[in-house]
Amino acid sequence: MVAKIEQDHSRFKQIVRGKIKKELKKYITQGELIGRKGKNIVSIPVPRIDLPRFRFDPHQTGGVGQGDGDVGTALGPGNPQDGSGKAGDSPGSHLLEVEITLEELAQILGEELELPNVEPRGKKNIVTEKDRYTGISRSGPESLRHFKRTYKEALRRQIISGTYNYDDPIIVPIREDKRFRSWKVSHQPESNAVIIYMMDVSGSMGPEQKDIVRLESFWIDTWLRSQYNHIELRYIVHDAVAKEVDHDTFFYIREGGGTKISSAYKLASKMILEQFLPQDWNIYLFHFSDGDNWDGGDTAECVSILEKDLLQKINLFCYGQVKSAYGSGDFLYGLEEAFPEDPRLITSKINTKDEIYDSIKAFLGKGR
């Protein structure tokens, strides 16, 4: 019975997984998915799964093969409903809330977008403890008792003491004969990463643009967390000046004024220098803007900071340009002209939520 239940549960999970993969692009654009996020799970609405069965028509108004009819008569619903009238008593279709772990969600994302596993380059200067069995001890728990070594010790003792009976070779270990597996703790360095998000919060970036950034960053986090043992997140907002903020402030802050992108790049460089040394950390920078930058030479300064500083220290720099009615979009062309084939720098245009899917694939598809 238990095996049958496990088989049914496994089959159900495969069905749900298939439906999520089929509708993944739709889920990526839905903001309510983030609202259902728990510590390690998210709740995803999937269409209700019913076993097929015959049903009687509750209205008894006839159907195919019933009553009079002529050849060529169009077949349609027996009782069309236009949504008007009083409340009814018939059930409707419903969505089923299915909980799935973030790890499973990352696997589905990786399979559907064909994302390669990330190749870590840095080791954070902390280590994890791992137990490894390396020897034999005279004491320990019964669960770690070494059968062969215990048997040999008991046999040796009985032969030496002359109590071993060759005609009736029964070996009975006593407490002094017992041997146990022993272990030692080994220290192993762990690959860890930091993600630094930067976002333009000038007057030309409205709620719609920020919502796109919020959705895309959720899926970026989900994937990279599946690739590293530990992830640190940092958030920088900027208009004409840059500052570090927390998660909620980053996505819901309302600012105004002009735009000076180099201020964010300078702050990110300082943050890396003071907190995240490149030899110890895998560093990812994601910058989102509408591409409207101060035209007093700031784009050239950004290119200089990237070329001489940031790109030398990081795994990947991703720039996502979100379409805005007020943004010029010129900054993207400046980056593409300065870094036409640099694998460390990836750009993407995100005009609508539907393009988040392709943007994620462009950013994470290199496996860096």
Protein backbone atom coordinates (compact mmCIF):
# COMPACT_ATOMS: atom_id res chain seq x y z
CA MET A 1 0.00 0.00 0.00
CA VAL A 2 2.82 2.40 0.88
CA ALA A 3 4.60 1.66 -2.39
CA LYS A 4 1.36 2.32 -4.32
CA ILE A 5 0.88 5.66 -2.56
CA GLU A 6 4.48 6.64 -3.27
CA GLN A 7 4.03 5.74 -6.96
CA ASP A 8 0.85 7.82 -7.18
CA HIS A 9 2.50 10.76 -5.42
CA SER A 10 5.52 10.55 -7.71
CA ARG A 11 3.25 10.42 -10.77
CA PHE A 12 1.28 13.42 -9.53
CA LYS A 13 4.49 15.39 -9.02
CA GLN A 14 5.58 14.56 -12.56
CA ILE A 15 2.23 15.75 -13.92
CA VAL A 16 2.48 19.01 -11.97
CA ARG A 17 6.10 19.47 -13.05
CA GLY A 18 5.08 19.02 -16.69
CA LYS A 19 2.31 21.60 -16.39
CA ILE A 20 4.68 24.11 -14.76
CA LYS A 21 7.25 23.60 -17.53
CA LYS A 22 4.56 24.04 -20.17
CA GLU A 23 3.37 27.31 -18.63
CA LEU A 24 6.74 28.55 -17.35
CA LYS A 25 6.80 31.63 -19.57
CA LYS A 26 3.41 32.64 -18.15
CA TYR A 27 4.54 32.10 -14.56
CA ILE A 28 7.66 34.18 -15.11
CA THR A 29 5.50 37.21 -15.95
CA GLN A 30 3.16 36.78 -12.97
CA GLY A 31 4.00 38.92 -9.99
CA GLU A 32 1.68 37.06 -7.61
CA LEU A 33 4.08 34.10 -7.71
CA ILE A 34 6.58 36.11 -5.66
CA GLY A 35 3.83 36.94 -3.19
CA ARG A 36 3.34 33.23 -2.55
CA LYS A 37 7.00 32.69 -1.75
CA GLY A 38 7.86 31.12 1.59
CA LYS A 39 11.29 30.46 3.05
CA ASN A 40 12.14 27.59 0.73
CA ILE A 41 8.93 27.02 -1.24
CA VAL A 42 6.53 28.84 -3.52
CA SER A 43 2.86 28.12 -4.13
CA ILE A 44 1.99 27.87 -7.82
CA PRO A 45 -1.56 27.84 -9.23
CA VAL A 46 -2.02 25.05 -11.78
CA PRO A 47 -5.22 23.97 -13.58
CA ARG A 48 -7.23 21.46 -11.61
CA ILE A 49 -6.45 17.87 -12.57
CA ASP A 50 -9.59 15.68 -12.86
CA LEU A 51 -9.86 12.09 -13.99
CA PRO A 52 -12.05 11.77 -17.11
CA ARG A 53 -15.54 10.35 -16.52
CA PHE A 54 -19.02 10.47 -18.04
CA ARG A 55 -21.40 13.08 -16.68
CA PHE A 56 -25.16 13.43 -17.08
CA ASP A 57 -26.42 16.73 -18.43
CA PRO A 58 -27.89 18.53 -15.39
CA HIS A 59 -30.19 20.61 -17.63
CA GLN A 60 -31.66 17.64 -19.51
CA THR A 61 -32.09 19.79 -22.62
CA GLY A 62 -31.00 17.17 -25.12
CA GLY A 63 -27.79 16.76 -26.97
CA VAL A 64 -26.11 15.02 -29.88
CA GLY A 65 -28.27 12.10 -31.08
CA GLN A 66 -31.30 13.19 -29.06
CA GLY A 67 -34.49 14.76 -30.42
CA ASP A 68 -35.34 15.98 -33.89
CA GLY A 69 -32.76 17.46 -36.19
CA ASP A 70 -31.86 17.96 -39.82
CA VAL A 71 -28.70 17.10 -41.72
CA GLY A 72 -26.24 20.00 -41.47
CA THR A 73 -27.63 21.45 -38.23
CA ALA A 74 -24.81 23.14 -36.32
CA LEU A 75 -23.94 21.54 -32.99
CA GLY A 76 -23.25 23.83 -30.05
CA PRO A 77 -23.73 24.15 -26.32
CA GLY A 78 -27.13 23.02 -25.19
CA ASN A 79 -27.57 25.82 -22.71
CA PRO A 80 -25.36 28.80 -23.42
CA GLN A 81 -24.70 31.14 -20.53
CA ASP A 82 -23.81 34.77 -21.00
CA GLY A 83 -22.92 35.42 -17.38
CA SER A 84 -26.07 37.40 -16.66
CA GLY A 85 -28.82 36.47 -14.27
CA LYS A 86 -28.91 35.29 -10.69
CA ALA A 87 -26.30 33.24 -8.86
CA GLY A 88 -26.30 29.58 -9.85
CA ASP A 89 -25.70 26.39 -7.93
CA SER A 90 -23.34 24.62 -10.36
CA PRO A 91 -19.60 24.29 -9.72
CA GLY A 92 -17.12 26.11 -11.90
CA SER A 93 -13.51 25.40 -12.83
CA HIS A 94 -10.90 26.11 -10.16
CA LEU A 95 -7.14 26.38 -9.87
CA LEU A 96 -5.13 24.09 -7.63
CA GLU A 97 -2.43 25.60 -5.43
CA VAL A 98 0.65 23.37 -5.55
CA GLU A 99 3.68 23.95 -3.34
CA ILE A 100 7.07 23.44 -4.94
CA THR A 101 10.53 24.01 -3.51
CA LEU A 102 12.75 26.74 -4.90
CA GLU A 103 15.29 24.04 -5.76
CA GLU A 104 12.74 22.21 -7.93
CA LEU A 105 11.69 25.51 -9.49
CA ALA A 106 15.32 26.24 -10.35
CA GLN A 107 15.65 22.80 -11.97
CA ILE A 108 12.59 23.43 -14.11
CA LEU A 109 13.91 26.87 -15.06
CA GLY A 110 17.29 25.42 -16.01
CA GLU A 111 15.76 22.60 -18.07
CA GLU A 112 13.28 24.81 -19.92
CA LEU A 113 15.77 27.60 -20.69
CA GLU A 114 18.60 25.08 -21.24
CA LEU A 115 20.81 26.92 -18.78
CA PRO A 116 24.30 25.46 -18.22
CA ASN A 117 25.54 24.99 -14.68
CA VAL A 118 27.61 27.87 -13.40
CA GLU A 119 31.38 27.35 -13.22
CA PRO A 120 32.49 28.96 -9.92
CA ARG A 121 35.78 30.78 -9.90
CA GLY A 122 36.17 32.02 -6.32
CA LYS A 123 36.30 30.42 -2.90
CA LYS A 124 35.06 32.41 0.04
CA ASN A 125 37.48 32.38 2.95
CA ILE A 126 35.21 30.29 5.18
CA VAL A 127 35.08 26.51 5.29
CA THR A 128 32.46 23.90 6.04
CA GLU A 129 32.99 20.88 8.27
CA LYS A 130 32.58 17.42 6.73
CA ASP A 131 32.83 14.16 8.66
CA ARG A 132 34.95 11.43 7.07
CA TYR A 133 35.46 7.90 8.40
CA THR A 134 39.18 7.25 8.54
CA GLY A 135 40.01 4.65 11.19
CA ILE A 136 39.00 2.20 13.91
CA SER A 137 38.38 2.98 17.56
CA ARG A 138 37.80 0.87 20.71
CA SER A 139 34.75 2.97 21.65
CA GLY A 140 31.77 4.36 19.87
CA PRO A 141 28.04 3.92 19.26
CA GLU A 142 26.65 0.50 18.29
CA SER A 143 25.47 1.94 14.97
CA LEU A 144 29.14 2.37 13.97
CA ARG A 145 30.35 -1.04 15.15
CA HIS A 146 32.70 -2.63 12.60
CA PHE A 147 31.55 -6.26 12.25
CA LYS A 148 34.66 -7.76 10.64
CA ARG A 149 37.14 -6.09 13.00
CA THR A 150 35.03 -7.07 16.02
CA TYR A 151 34.86 -10.69 14.81
CA LYS A 152 38.62 -10.86 14.23
CA GLU A 153 39.38 -9.46 17.70
CA ALA A 154 37.03 -12.00 19.33
CA LEU A 155 38.54 -14.86 17.31
CA ARG A 156 42.10 -13.79 18.19
CA ARG A 157 41.23 -13.56 21.90
CA GLN A 158 39.63 -17.01 21.98
CA ILE A 159 42.55 -18.66 20.13
CA ILE A 160 45.14 -17.03 22.42
CA SER A 161 43.19 -17.94 25.57
CA GLY A 162 42.61 -21.51 24.35
CA THR A 163 38.83 -21.24 24.53
CA TYR A 164 38.30 -21.64 20.78
CA ASN A 165 36.64 -24.96 19.94
CA TYR A 166 37.53 -26.17 16.44
CA ASP A 167 34.69 -28.71 16.54
CA ASP A 168 32.14 -26.10 17.57
CA PRO A 169 33.50 -22.76 16.28
CA ILE A 170 31.22 -20.26 18.00
CA ILE A 171 32.59 -16.73 18.28
CA VAL A 172 31.04 -14.60 21.01
CA PRO A 173 32.48 -11.05 21.20
CA ILE A 174 32.77 -9.38 24.58
CA ARG A 175 33.02 -5.67 25.26
CA GLU A 176 36.81 -5.57 24.84
CA ASP A 177 36.56 -7.15 21.38
CA LYS A 178 34.28 -4.52 19.87
CA ARG A 179 35.74 -2.10 17.35
CA PHE A 180 34.02 0.97 15.93
CA ARG A 181 34.47 3.20 12.93
CA SER A 182 36.07 6.52 13.84
CA TRP A 183 36.02 9.74 11.90
CA LYS A 184 37.71 13.05 11.68
CA VAL A 185 36.35 16.42 10.65
CA SER A 186 37.77 17.78 7.42
CA HIS A 187 37.46 21.41 6.43
CA GLN A 188 36.49 22.20 2.86
CA PRO A 189 36.23 25.62 1.22
CA GLU A 190 32.80 26.46 -0.20
CA SER A 191 31.99 28.31 -3.41
CA ASN A 192 29.87 31.33 -2.61
CA ALA A 193 28.55 34.26 -4.55
CA VAL A 194 27.36 37.82 -4.17
CA ILE A 195 24.76 39.42 -6.42
CA ILE A 196 24.80 43.19 -6.59
CA TYR A 197 21.65 44.63 -8.10
CA MET A 198 21.72 48.20 -9.38
CA MET A 199 18.66 50.10 -10.56
CA ASP A 200 17.95 53.51 -11.99
CA VAL A 201 15.27 55.22 -9.86
CA SER A 202 15.25 58.54 -11.66
CA GLY A 203 12.02 60.22 -12.71
CA SER A 204 11.80 58.29 -15.98
CA MET A 205 11.59 54.87 -14.23
CA GLY A 206 7.99 54.24 -13.24
CA PRO A 207 6.19 51.42 -11.33
CA GLU A 208 5.84 49.28 -14.47
CA GLN A 209 9.59 49.30 -15.13
CA LYS A 210 10.36 48.50 -11.48
CA ASP A 211 7.90 45.60 -11.54
CA ILE A 212 9.78 44.09 -14.49
CA VAL A 213 13.03 44.38 -12.52
CA ARG A 214 11.42 42.75 -9.48
CA LEU A 215 10.18 39.77 -11.49
CA GLU A 216 13.43 39.19 -13.33
CA SER A 217 15.56 39.44 -10.19
CA PHE A 218 13.38 36.80 -8.47
CA TRP A 219 14.16 34.24 -11.19
CA ILE A 220 17.85 35.22 -11.29
CA ASP A 221 18.04 34.68 -7.52
CA THR A 222 16.25 31.33 -7.82
CA TRP A 223 18.72 30.01 -10.39
CA LEU A 224 21.93 31.25 -8.79
CA ARG A 225 20.88 29.98 -5.35
CA SER A 226 20.70 26.50 -6.87
CA GLN A 227 24.30 26.85 -8.08
CA TYR A 228 25.98 28.08 -4.89
CA ASN A 229 25.99 27.06 -1.25
CA HIS A 230 25.64 30.62 -0.08
CA ILE A 231 24.41 33.81 -1.75
CA GLU A 232 24.81 37.37 -0.52
CA LEU A 233 22.52 40.04 -1.97
CA ARG A 234 23.27 43.75 -2.17
CA TYR A 235 21.12 46.51 -3.61
CA ILE A 236 22.13 49.87 -5.05
CA VAL A 237 19.76 52.55 -6.33
CA HIS A 238 20.81 55.64 -8.20
CA ASP A 239 19.60 58.76 -9.88
CA ALA A 240 22.30 61.43 -10.02
CA VAL A 241 23.87 59.84 -6.92
CA ALA A 242 23.96 56.22 -5.71
CA LYS A 243 23.28 54.64 -2.33
CA GLU A 244 22.96 51.15 -0.87
CA VAL A 245 19.47 50.14 0.31
CA ASP A 246 17.68 47.04 1.58
CA HIS A 247 15.52 44.66 -0.49
CA ASP A 248 12.13 46.33 0.06
CA THR A 249 13.47 49.82 -0.47
CA PHE A 250 15.14 48.74 -3.70
CA PHE A 251 11.89 47.62 -5.34
CA TYR A 252 9.46 50.18 -3.95
CA ILE A 253 11.46 53.39 -3.57
CA ARG A 254 10.21 56.43 -5.47
CA GLU A 255 12.84 58.91 -6.48
CA GLY A 256 13.21 61.64 -9.09
CA GLY A 257 15.81 63.85 -10.65
CA GLY A 258 18.45 63.15 -13.26
CA THR A 259 20.56 60.10 -13.99
CA LYS A 260 24.27 59.52 -13.50
CA ILE A 261 24.96 55.82 -13.92
CA SER A 262 28.64 56.05 -13.06
CA SER A 263 27.70 56.79 -9.45
CA ALA A 264 26.29 53.26 -9.11
CA TYR A 265 29.34 51.66 -10.73
CA LYS A 266 31.70 53.53 -8.40
CA LEU A 267 29.71 52.43 -5.35
CA ALA A 268 29.68 48.80 -6.56
CA SER A 269 33.46 48.93 -7.05
CA LYS A 270 33.92 50.27 -3.52
CA MET A 271 31.62 47.58 -2.11
CA ILE A 272 33.61 44.81 -3.83
CA LEU A 273 36.91 46.24 -2.61
CA GLU A 274 35.76 46.48 1.01
CA GLN A 275 33.55 43.39 1.39
CA PHE A 276 33.92 40.90 -1.47
CA LEU A 277 37.46 40.20 -2.60
CA PRO A 278 37.44 38.67 -6.11
CA GLN A 279 39.77 35.81 -5.14
CA ASP A 280 37.22 34.69 -2.52
CA TRP A 281 33.89 35.48 -4.14
CA ASN A 282 31.94 34.83 -7.33
CA ILE A 283 30.59 38.27 -8.15
CA TYR A 284 27.56 39.08 -10.30
CA LEU A 285 26.41 42.58 -11.20
CA PHE A 286 22.95 43.24 -12.62
CA HIS A 287 22.06 46.77 -13.66
CA PHE A 288 18.60 47.87 -14.81
CA SER A 289 17.83 51.23 -16.36
CA ASP A 290 15.79 52.83 -19.13
CA GLY A 291 19.05 53.88 -20.79
CA ASP A 292 18.66 57.61 -20.21
CA ASN A 293 22.02 58.85 -18.87
CA TRP A 294 23.52 62.29 -18.28
CA ASP A 295 24.97 63.42 -21.60
CA GLY A 296 27.92 65.25 -20.07
CA GLY A 297 30.31 62.36 -20.70
CA ASP A 298 29.00 59.98 -18.03
CA THR A 299 28.56 57.05 -20.42
CA ALA A 300 32.23 57.27 -21.34
CA GLU A 301 33.11 57.27 -17.63
CA CYS A 302 30.95 54.16 -17.11
CA VAL A 303 32.78 52.39 -19.93
CA SER A 304 36.10 53.33 -18.36
CA ILE A 305 35.07 51.98 -14.92
CA LEU A 306 33.90 48.72 -16.46
CA GLU A 307 36.97 48.24 -18.62
CA LYS A 308 39.65 49.17 -16.09
CA ASP A 309 38.01 47.98 -12.88
CA LEU A 310 34.76 46.04 -12.61
CA LEU A 311 35.13 43.54 -15.46
CA GLN A 312 38.51 42.48 -14.05
CA LYS A 313 36.92 41.45 -10.74
CA ILE A 314 33.62 39.80 -11.56
CA ASN A 315 32.12 36.68 -13.12
CA LEU A 316 29.44 38.50 -15.05
CA PHE A 317 28.01 41.96 -15.68
CA CYS A 318 24.45 42.09 -17.04
CA TYR A 319 22.70 45.23 -18.20
CA GLY A 320 18.94 45.09 -18.73
CA GLN A 321 17.38 48.06 -20.47
CA VAL A 322 13.72 48.46 -19.56
CA LYS A 323 11.60 50.37 -22.04
CA SER A 324 10.26 53.66 -20.74
CA ALA A 325 8.23 56.39 -22.42
CA TYR A 326 10.74 58.94 -21.13
CA GLY A 327 14.05 57.10 -21.53
CA SER A 328 16.27 57.64 -24.55
CA GLY A 329 17.80 54.13 -24.50
CA ASP A 330 21.18 55.42 -25.63
CA PHE A 331 23.19 53.81 -22.83
CA LEU A 332 22.70 50.31 -24.26
CA TYR A 333 24.24 51.32 -27.58
CA GLY A 334 27.21 52.84 -25.74
CA LEU A 335 27.91 49.53 -23.97
CA GLU A 336 27.47 47.43 -27.11
CA GLU A 337 29.84 49.69 -29.03
CA ALA A 338 32.49 49.61 -26.29
CA PHE A 339 32.24 45.84 -25.57
CA PRO A 340 31.07 44.14 -28.77
CA GLU A 341 32.35 40.62 -27.94
CA ASP A 342 33.31 40.59 -24.27
CA PRO A 343 31.75 37.43 -22.69
CA ARG A 344 31.79 39.06 -19.26
CA LEU A 345 29.28 41.72 -20.31
CA ILE A 346 25.77 40.84 -21.55
CA THR A 347 23.03 43.27 -22.51
CA SER A 348 19.32 42.76 -22.96
CA LYS A 349 16.29 44.79 -24.00
CA ILE A 350 13.19 44.23 -21.88
CA ASN A 351 10.31 46.09 -23.48
CA THR A 352 7.50 44.15 -21.77
CA LYS A 353 7.05 41.44 -19.14
CA ASP A 354 6.81 38.87 -21.92
CA GLU A 355 10.48 39.52 -22.74
CA ILE A 356 11.71 38.65 -19.23
CA TYR A 357 11.92 35.00 -20.30
CA ASP A 358 14.38 35.74 -23.13
CA SER A 359 16.32 38.22 -20.98
CA ILE A 360 16.96 35.61 -18.27
CA LYS A 361 18.16 33.14 -20.89
CA ALA A 362 20.51 35.75 -22.35
CA PHE A 363 21.95 36.65 -18.94
CA LEU A 364 22.38 33.15 -17.51
CA GLY A 365 22.91 31.11 -20.67
CA LYS A 366 26.72 31.49 -20.66
CA GLY A 367 27.26 29.51 -17.46
CA ARG A 368 29.64 32.07 -15.99
